[in-house]
Amino acid sequence: MKKRRLGNSDLYVSELGLGCMSIGTEEKTARKIIEASLEEGINYFDTADLYDFGENEKIVGTALKEVRENVIIATKVGNRWSQDQKGWSWDPSKSYIKEEVKQSLNRLGTDYIDLYQLHGGTINDPIDETIEAFEELKAEGYIRYYGISSIRPNVIREYVKKSSFVSVMMQYSILDRRPEEEALPLLEEHGLSVVTRGPLAKGLLSDKMLEKVTEKGYQDYSLTELNDVLPLLKEKVAATRSFTEIALQYNLAHPVVASVVAGASSPEQIRSNAKAVRSQPLSEEEVSVIRELTKAGIYKEHR
């Protein structure tokens, strides 16, 4: 599987990454999913301290122990579980980040984290303090690089100005093109990368698309709009290839995207996603058609 450089780092991540939140807590099943990922050439594994109260990090770390030097482990920090584990609060403080990284390292069973990401962020955070924490962890060797998980342009701008972060994780898909308005151009200008999540838009951009449509719609799309635009996309760009291919290749068509992180609940799903990523890239004409049918996450009438 092809790899792309993550920002200005020396990390080269597979074009498809595994979103580990989806692998569950049954260790045998989770291990099979991770092993299938490795067989398909995936080297980028994304988890978080929040997932399953840290159990996800333990499972990921154990499964990757024998190949640790050949993989890139990304995890996240900033959400603090309450004592009763019924909810969590936001804590981007330096003290919490520097303490929590030790817990993540312990659960992952590793001496270092390749990419440590702030799991959210607002403009009201103590951003300078947060950056200081990440910079110190990098200098101390606990992490190799850091990034943030955010779609907020005002937050991203602050990190671009003040930090040496290398990437932003954000939701991005054919049905959620908000990042194209400001975030992607800004990051591309500064040589930074995006790791995308939600590329299949909760299954709406898979071959079972119309089965996934609900009354709630999706983002700025109503139920009626989805019933209009999805068949149009199928007709115009996915008549001879799977919709999963179209969806994942649309993300990869943007030069700032380093890896598309997709979840999987079975080895078969991993293999399907890997096949889609290895498929023929979208042509400029196909990208143009998709953008004509949709517009920055807001439905554009096209009949």
Protein backbone atom coordinates (compact mmCIF):
# COMPACT_ATOMS: atom_id res chain seq x y z
CA MET A 1 0.00 0.00 0.00
CA LYS A 2 1.25 3.48 -0.85
CA LYS A 3 2.44 5.75 1.92
CA ARG A 4 2.41 9.52 2.25
CA ARG A 5 4.53 11.82 4.36
CA LEU A 6 2.80 13.28 7.39
CA GLY A 7 3.46 17.01 7.28
CA ASN A 8 7.15 17.82 7.60
CA SER A 9 7.79 14.80 9.83
CA ASP A 10 9.71 11.65 9.00
CA LEU A 11 6.55 9.59 9.42
CA TYR A 12 5.23 7.95 6.26
CA VAL A 13 1.70 6.71 6.83
CA SER A 14 -0.29 4.25 4.74
CA GLU A 15 -3.00 5.87 2.63
CA LEU A 16 -5.51 3.84 4.62
CA GLY A 17 -5.35 3.90 8.40
CA LEU A 18 -7.33 1.85 10.89
CA GLY A 19 -9.65 3.75 13.19
CA CYS A 20 -9.32 1.47 16.20
CA MET A 21 -12.43 2.68 18.04
CA SER A 22 -14.45 0.25 15.89
CA ILE A 23 -12.56 -2.96 16.74
CA GLY A 24 -14.45 -3.62 19.97
CA THR A 25 -13.29 -5.07 23.28
CA GLU A 26 -13.27 -8.77 22.41
CA GLU A 27 -9.53 -9.25 22.10
CA LYS A 28 -9.55 -12.21 19.72
CA THR A 29 -11.79 -10.42 17.21
CA ALA A 30 -9.88 -7.16 17.55
CA ARG A 31 -6.56 -8.92 16.98
CA LYS A 32 -7.86 -10.50 13.76
CA ILE A 33 -8.86 -7.06 12.46
CA ILE A 34 -5.44 -5.63 13.30
CA GLU A 35 -3.65 -8.62 11.76
CA ALA A 36 -5.69 -8.23 8.57
CA SER A 37 -4.71 -4.56 8.52
CA LEU A 38 -1.03 -5.44 8.72
CA GLU A 39 -1.44 -8.02 5.95
CA GLU A 40 -2.96 -5.31 3.74
CA GLY A 41 0.00 -3.00 4.30
CA ILE A 42 -1.64 -0.65 6.79
CA ASN A 43 0.91 0.88 9.15
CA TYR A 44 -1.15 3.68 10.73
CA PHE A 45 -3.30 2.84 13.76
CA ASP A 46 -5.38 5.52 15.46
CA THR A 47 -6.72 5.12 18.99
CA ALA A 48 -7.46 7.36 22.01
CA ASP A 49 -7.34 7.20 25.77
CA LEU A 50 -11.10 7.84 25.73
CA TYR A 51 -12.04 4.68 23.84
CA ASP A 52 -13.44 1.96 26.09
CA PHE A 53 -11.89 3.63 29.16
CA GLY A 54 -8.39 2.95 27.85
CA GLU A 55 -9.04 -0.69 26.99
CA ASN A 56 -8.69 0.10 23.29
CA GLU A 57 -5.14 1.32 23.79
CA LYS A 58 -4.29 -1.90 25.67
CA ILE A 59 -5.64 -4.11 22.88
CA VAL A 60 -3.91 -2.09 20.16
CA GLY A 61 -0.60 -2.06 22.00
CA THR A 62 -0.66 -5.80 22.67
CA ALA A 63 -1.57 -6.66 19.07
CA LEU A 64 1.19 -4.45 17.66
CA LYS A 65 3.91 -5.32 20.17
CA GLU A 66 5.83 -7.65 17.84
CA VAL A 67 5.82 -5.14 14.97
CA ARG A 68 6.16 -1.95 17.00
CA GLU A 69 9.09 -0.52 15.03
CA ASN A 70 7.26 -0.99 11.74
CA VAL A 71 4.00 0.77 12.63
CA ILE A 72 2.84 4.25 13.51
CA ILE A 73 0.65 4.50 16.59
CA ALA A 74 -1.44 7.61 17.06
CA THR A 75 -3.45 8.27 20.18
CA LYS A 76 -5.27 11.24 21.68
CA VAL A 77 -5.61 13.17 24.91
CA GLY A 78 -7.79 15.89 26.41
CA ASN A 79 -10.97 14.14 27.48
CA ARG A 80 -10.99 13.15 31.15
CA TRP A 81 -13.39 10.44 32.29
CA SER A 82 -15.43 11.20 35.40
CA GLN A 83 -14.90 9.01 38.47
CA ASP A 84 -18.12 7.06 37.80
CA GLN A 85 -17.20 6.73 34.09
CA LYS A 86 -20.62 8.00 33.06
CA GLY A 87 -19.22 11.00 31.22
CA TRP A 88 -16.11 13.03 30.58
CA SER A 89 -14.91 16.61 30.75
CA TRP A 90 -12.54 18.59 28.57
CA ASP A 91 -9.07 19.16 30.03
CA PRO A 92 -6.32 20.50 27.72
CA SER A 93 -4.15 21.62 30.64
CA LYS A 94 -0.41 21.00 30.63
CA SER A 95 -0.55 19.07 33.88
CA TYR A 96 -3.21 16.67 32.61
CA ILE A 97 -1.54 16.06 29.24
CA LYS A 98 1.84 15.35 30.83
CA GLU A 99 0.34 12.96 33.34
CA GLU A 100 -2.05 11.22 30.93
CA VAL A 101 0.64 10.49 28.36
CA LYS A 102 2.27 8.18 30.92
CA GLN A 103 -0.99 6.28 31.29
CA SER A 104 -1.32 5.91 27.51
CA LEU A 105 2.27 4.71 27.21
CA ASN A 106 1.64 2.15 29.91
CA ARG A 107 -1.56 0.88 28.30
CA LEU A 108 0.03 0.75 24.85
CA GLY A 109 3.09 -1.04 26.26
CA THR A 110 5.48 1.23 24.40
CA ASP A 111 8.22 3.74 25.23
CA TYR A 112 7.03 6.35 22.76
CA ILE A 113 3.97 7.51 20.83
CA ASP A 114 4.50 8.35 17.17
CA LEU A 115 1.70 10.91 16.94
CA TYR A 116 0.04 12.37 20.04
CA GLN A 117 -3.09 14.36 19.23
CA LEU A 118 -5.20 16.82 21.18
CA HIS A 119 -8.65 15.23 21.06
CA GLY A 120 -10.64 18.37 20.25
CA GLY A 121 -10.03 21.98 21.15
CA THR A 122 -11.67 25.38 21.36
CA ILE A 123 -10.40 28.92 20.94
CA ASN A 124 -10.91 29.41 24.69
CA ASP A 125 -8.39 26.71 25.62
CA PRO A 126 -5.06 27.68 27.22
CA ILE A 127 -3.46 27.02 23.82
CA ASP A 128 0.04 28.26 24.73
CA GLU A 129 0.07 25.96 27.76
CA THR A 130 -1.20 23.03 25.71
CA ILE A 131 1.49 23.54 23.07
CA GLU A 132 4.13 23.79 25.80
CA ALA A 133 3.05 20.39 27.10
CA PHE A 134 3.38 18.76 23.70
CA GLU A 135 6.73 20.43 23.01
CA GLU A 136 8.11 19.22 26.33
CA LEU A 137 6.88 15.67 25.71
CA LYS A 138 8.57 15.75 22.32
CA ALA A 139 11.84 17.01 23.82
CA GLU A 140 11.65 14.36 26.53
CA GLY A 141 11.21 11.59 23.96
CA TYR A 142 7.76 10.45 25.05
CA ILE A 143 6.27 11.43 21.69
CA ARG A 144 7.78 11.81 18.24
CA TYR A 145 5.29 14.33 16.85
CA TYR A 146 1.99 15.89 17.77
CA GLY A 147 -1.18 17.08 16.11
CA ILE A 148 -4.74 18.08 16.87
CA SER A 149 -8.14 16.62 16.07
CA SER A 150 -10.33 19.54 15.05
CA ILE A 151 -12.42 20.99 12.25
CA ARG A 152 -12.49 24.52 13.71
CA PRO A 153 -10.50 26.91 11.44
CA ASN A 154 -9.94 29.43 14.24
CA VAL A 155 -8.34 26.75 16.43
CA ILE A 156 -6.28 25.36 13.56
CA ARG A 157 -4.99 28.85 12.74
CA GLU A 158 -3.69 29.28 16.29
CA TYR A 159 -1.74 26.01 16.14
CA VAL A 160 -0.37 26.90 12.70
CA LYS A 161 0.93 30.21 14.11
CA LYS A 162 2.25 28.98 17.43
CA SER A 163 3.26 25.32 17.28
CA SER A 164 5.36 22.74 15.44
CA PHE A 165 2.47 20.31 15.03
CA VAL A 166 2.43 18.19 11.87
CA SER A 167 -1.19 17.18 11.28
CA VAL A 168 -4.86 17.72 11.88
CA MET A 169 -7.40 14.94 12.10
CA MET A 170 -10.80 16.04 10.83
CA GLN A 171 -14.05 14.73 9.45
CA TYR A 172 -14.08 14.96 5.68
CA SER A 173 -16.14 13.26 3.00
CA ILE A 174 -18.07 13.88 -0.18
CA LEU A 175 -21.04 14.77 2.02
CA ASP A 176 -19.02 16.91 4.42
CA ARG A 177 -16.80 19.19 2.40
CA ARG A 178 -16.50 21.94 5.01
CA PRO A 179 -12.72 21.49 5.34
CA GLU A 180 -12.26 22.56 1.71
CA GLU A 181 -13.43 26.09 2.46
CA GLU A 182 -10.58 27.12 4.73
CA ALA A 183 -8.84 24.36 6.69
CA LEU A 184 -7.38 22.34 3.81
CA PRO A 185 -5.98 25.34 1.90
CA LEU A 186 -4.45 26.74 5.10
CA LEU A 187 -2.74 23.47 5.97
CA GLU A 188 -1.53 22.91 2.43
CA GLU A 189 0.00 26.39 2.42
CA HIS A 190 2.04 25.55 5.52
CA GLY A 191 3.11 22.04 4.50
CA LEU A 192 0.94 20.30 7.07
CA SER A 193 -1.16 17.18 6.63
CA VAL A 194 -4.68 16.04 7.25
CA VAL A 195 -5.71 12.63 8.52
CA THR A 196 -9.37 12.23 7.66
CA ARG A 197 -12.12 10.42 9.54
CA GLY A 198 -15.71 9.66 8.58
CA PRO A 199 -14.91 9.17 4.86
CA LEU A 200 -17.98 6.95 4.33
CA ALA A 201 -20.35 9.34 6.13
CA LYS A 202 -21.81 6.68 8.43
CA GLY A 203 -22.25 4.27 5.52
CA LEU A 204 -24.09 6.71 3.26
CA LEU A 205 -21.15 6.60 0.86
CA SER A 206 -20.96 2.83 0.74
CA ASP A 207 -22.71 0.46 -1.61
CA LYS A 208 -25.51 0.18 0.97
CA MET A 209 -26.00 3.94 0.84
CA LEU A 210 -29.79 4.15 0.53
CA GLU A 211 -30.21 1.60 3.32
CA LYS A 212 -28.35 4.00 5.63
CA VAL A 213 -30.52 7.06 4.98
CA THR A 214 -32.53 8.11 8.04
CA GLU A 215 -35.08 10.79 8.83
CA LYS A 216 -32.32 12.83 10.48
CA GLY A 217 -30.45 13.25 7.21
CA TYR A 218 -26.73 13.95 7.45
CA GLN A 219 -24.94 17.21 8.24
CA ASP A 220 -26.60 19.86 6.03
CA TYR A 221 -28.47 17.28 3.98
CA SER A 222 -32.11 16.50 4.67
CA LEU A 223 -33.63 13.08 4.02
CA THR A 224 -35.13 14.35 0.74
CA GLU A 225 -31.81 15.81 -0.38
CA LEU A 226 -29.94 12.60 0.34
CA ASN A 227 -32.50 10.62 -1.62
CA ASP A 228 -31.83 12.97 -4.52
CA VAL A 229 -28.08 13.38 -4.42
CA LEU A 230 -26.92 9.83 -3.58
CA PRO A 231 -28.46 8.18 -6.67
CA LEU A 232 -27.06 11.04 -8.78
CA LEU A 233 -23.58 10.42 -7.43
CA LYS A 234 -24.00 6.71 -8.09
CA GLU A 235 -25.12 7.34 -11.66
CA LYS A 236 -22.50 9.94 -12.54
CA VAL A 237 -19.34 8.62 -10.87
CA ALA A 238 -19.89 5.14 -9.46
CA ALA A 239 -21.61 3.29 -12.24
CA THR A 240 -18.66 0.97 -12.88
CA ARG A 241 -16.91 0.91 -9.49
CA SER A 242 -17.87 0.59 -5.85
CA PHE A 243 -19.05 3.60 -3.96
CA THR A 244 -16.52 2.86 -1.25
CA GLU A 245 -13.80 3.35 -3.87
CA ILE A 246 -15.27 6.71 -4.89
CA ALA A 247 -15.58 7.89 -1.30
CA LEU A 248 -12.07 6.95 -0.18
CA GLN A 249 -10.45 8.10 -3.41
CA TYR A 250 -12.20 11.47 -3.14
CA ASN A 251 -10.39 12.12 0.13
CA LEU A 252 -7.08 10.93 -1.29
CA ALA A 253 -7.50 13.20 -4.31
CA HIS A 254 -6.68 16.20 -2.12
CA PRO A 255 -2.90 16.61 -1.85
CA VAL A 256 -3.01 17.66 1.82
CA VAL A 257 -4.57 14.33 2.88
CA ALA A 258 -1.94 11.89 4.16
CA SER A 259 -4.19 9.05 5.31
CA VAL A 260 -7.86 8.17 5.35
CA VAL A 261 -8.76 6.61 8.68
CA ALA A 262 -11.66 4.20 8.42
CA GLY A 263 -13.08 1.94 11.07
CA ALA A 264 -13.66 -1.77 10.58
CA SER A 265 -15.52 -4.36 12.59
CA SER A 266 -14.23 -7.38 10.65
CA PRO A 267 -11.19 -8.48 8.62
CA GLU A 268 -13.41 -8.57 5.52
CA GLN A 269 -14.20 -4.88 5.93
CA ILE A 270 -10.49 -4.09 6.19
CA ARG A 271 -9.80 -5.97 2.97
CA SER A 272 -12.64 -4.19 1.19
CA ASN A 273 -11.39 -0.78 2.28
CA ALA A 274 -7.81 -1.64 1.32
CA LYS A 275 -8.96 -2.74 -2.13
CA ALA A 276 -10.79 0.56 -2.53
CA VAL A 277 -7.69 2.55 -1.61
CA ARG A 278 -5.60 0.58 -4.09
CA SER A 279 -8.09 1.22 -6.88
CA GLN A 280 -7.74 3.73 -9.69
CA PRO A 281 -7.52 7.31 -8.38
CA LEU A 282 -10.31 9.65 -9.38
CA SER A 283 -9.80 11.61 -12.55
CA GLU A 284 -10.01 15.40 -12.52
CA GLU A 285 -13.32 15.05 -14.35
CA GLU A 286 -14.73 12.73 -11.68
CA VAL A 287 -13.66 15.10 -8.91
CA SER A 288 -15.29 17.99 -10.78
CA VAL A 289 -18.55 16.08 -11.17
CA ILE A 290 -18.62 15.26 -7.46
CA ARG A 291 -18.02 18.90 -6.59
CA GLU A 292 -20.72 19.97 -9.01
CA LEU A 293 -23.24 17.67 -7.37
CA THR A 294 -22.27 18.72 -3.85
CA LYS A 295 -20.97 21.91 -2.36
CA ALA A 296 -18.90 22.21 0.81
CA GLY A 297 -21.31 20.01 2.73
CA ILE A 298 -24.35 21.96 1.57
CA TYR A 299 -26.65 20.30 -0.94
CA LYS A 300 -26.65 21.92 -4.36
CA GLU A 301 -29.78 21.28 -6.40
CA HIS A 302 -28.90 19.32 -9.53
CA ARG A 303 -31.71 17.89 -11.59
